[in-house]
Amino acid sequence: MSYSIEVENIKCAGCASTIKNKLSLLDGVDSVAVAIEEGVVSLEGDASRRQQVSAELLRLGYPEKGTAEGIRAAAAKAKSFVSCAIGRMDNKDN
């Protein structure tokens, strides 16, 4: 089954690379696509795992739109910068 999650803080291909790599490791996720400009993560897999996917996105710094406010939003943004940098480095090897 396919489903999508609107997220915050996606800025570049490095962000997308991190999201794809990390979410692909989760049970119940068959494939991941990221629309950078739209801020949308589209997944194929077990939709009952959506909450787990959303929690992993938050952990990476890409919270589902409208779920992180105040200090949580600031922390997520800081994490996304790190995830972005890691994604750029990983993507550089491809």
Protein backbone atom coordinates (compact mmCIF):
# COMPACT_ATOMS: atom_id res chain seq x y z
CA MET A 1 0.00 0.00 0.00
CA SER A 2 1.24 3.50 -0.70
CA TYR A 3 0.96 6.56 1.51
CA SER A 4 2.58 9.98 1.85
CA ILE A 5 3.72 12.16 4.73
CA GLU A 6 4.22 15.93 4.47
CA VAL A 7 7.36 16.88 6.38
CA GLU A 8 9.33 19.97 7.32
CA ASN A 9 13.01 20.90 6.83
CA ILE A 10 13.74 19.10 3.53
CA LYS A 11 16.18 21.38 1.75
CA CYS A 12 18.19 19.38 -0.76
CA ALA A 13 19.19 16.05 -2.26
CA GLY A 14 21.30 15.34 0.84
CA CYS A 15 18.17 15.51 2.99
CA ALA A 16 16.34 13.26 0.55
CA SER A 17 19.21 10.78 0.54
CA THR A 18 19.24 10.54 4.34
CA ILE A 19 15.47 10.06 4.45
CA LYS A 20 15.53 7.34 1.78
CA ASN A 21 18.46 5.49 3.33
CA LYS A 22 17.13 5.52 6.89
CA LEU A 23 13.48 4.78 6.13
CA SER A 24 14.44 1.93 3.79
CA LEU A 25 15.93 0.14 6.81
CA LEU A 26 12.58 0.04 8.64
CA ASP A 27 10.43 -3.09 8.65
CA GLY A 28 7.34 -2.65 6.53
CA VAL A 29 8.89 -0.07 4.18
CA ASP A 30 9.38 -1.37 0.65
CA SER A 31 10.34 1.85 -1.14
CA VAL A 32 10.74 5.56 -0.43
CA ALA A 33 10.53 8.59 -2.71
CA VAL A 34 11.11 12.19 -1.64
CA ALA A 35 9.69 15.26 -3.39
CA ILE A 36 12.09 17.94 -2.14
CA GLU A 37 10.23 21.03 -3.35
CA GLU A 38 6.88 19.79 -2.02
CA GLY A 39 8.26 18.43 1.25
CA VAL A 40 6.54 15.08 0.73
CA VAL A 41 7.83 11.61 1.53
CA SER A 42 5.97 8.89 -0.39
CA LEU A 43 6.23 5.30 0.74
CA GLU A 44 5.25 1.85 -0.45
CA GLY A 45 4.72 -0.69 2.28
CA ASP A 46 2.71 -1.51 5.37
CA ALA A 47 0.60 1.57 6.16
CA SER A 48 0.10 0.34 9.73
CA ARG A 49 3.78 1.30 10.26
CA ARG A 50 3.03 4.96 9.47
CA GLN A 51 3.46 6.06 13.09
CA GLN A 52 6.87 4.36 13.28
CA VAL A 53 7.90 6.06 10.02
CA SER A 54 6.73 9.44 11.33
CA ALA A 55 8.70 8.91 14.56
CA GLU A 56 11.85 8.08 12.58
CA LEU A 57 11.39 11.18 10.44
CA LEU A 58 11.16 13.27 13.64
CA ARG A 59 14.28 11.60 15.02
CA LEU A 60 16.12 12.50 11.79
CA GLY A 61 14.94 16.13 11.99
CA TYR A 62 12.14 15.99 9.44
CA PRO A 63 8.94 16.09 11.51
CA GLU A 64 5.54 15.60 9.98
CA LYS A 65 4.04 19.02 9.23
CA GLY A 66 2.28 20.51 12.23
CA THR A 67 3.64 18.06 14.80
CA ALA A 68 6.68 19.92 16.17
CA GLU A 69 6.43 23.36 17.74
CA GLY A 70 8.65 25.59 19.81
CA ILE A 71 11.79 23.95 21.14
CA ARG A 72 10.94 20.63 19.46
CA ALA A 73 10.77 22.39 16.09
CA ALA A 74 14.12 24.11 16.71
CA ALA A 75 15.71 20.79 17.73
CA ALA A 76 14.29 19.09 14.63
CA LYS A 77 15.70 21.83 12.42
CA ALA A 78 19.16 21.42 13.99
CA LYS A 79 19.00 17.64 13.49
CA SER A 80 17.97 18.12 9.87
CA PHE A 81 21.15 20.13 9.21
CA VAL A 82 23.23 17.20 10.46
CA SER A 83 21.15 14.67 8.51
CA CYS A 84 21.47 16.85 5.42
CA ALA A 85 25.26 16.94 5.72
CA ILE A 86 25.45 13.17 6.22
CA GLY A 87 23.16 12.63 3.23
CA ARG A 88 25.35 14.84 1.06
CA MET A 89 28.44 12.90 2.05
CA ASP A 90 26.72 9.54 1.43
CA ASN A 91 25.31 10.76 -1.88
CA LYS A 92 28.77 11.95 -2.98
CA ASP A 93 30.00 8.34 -3.08
CA ASN A 94 27.29 7.32 -5.59
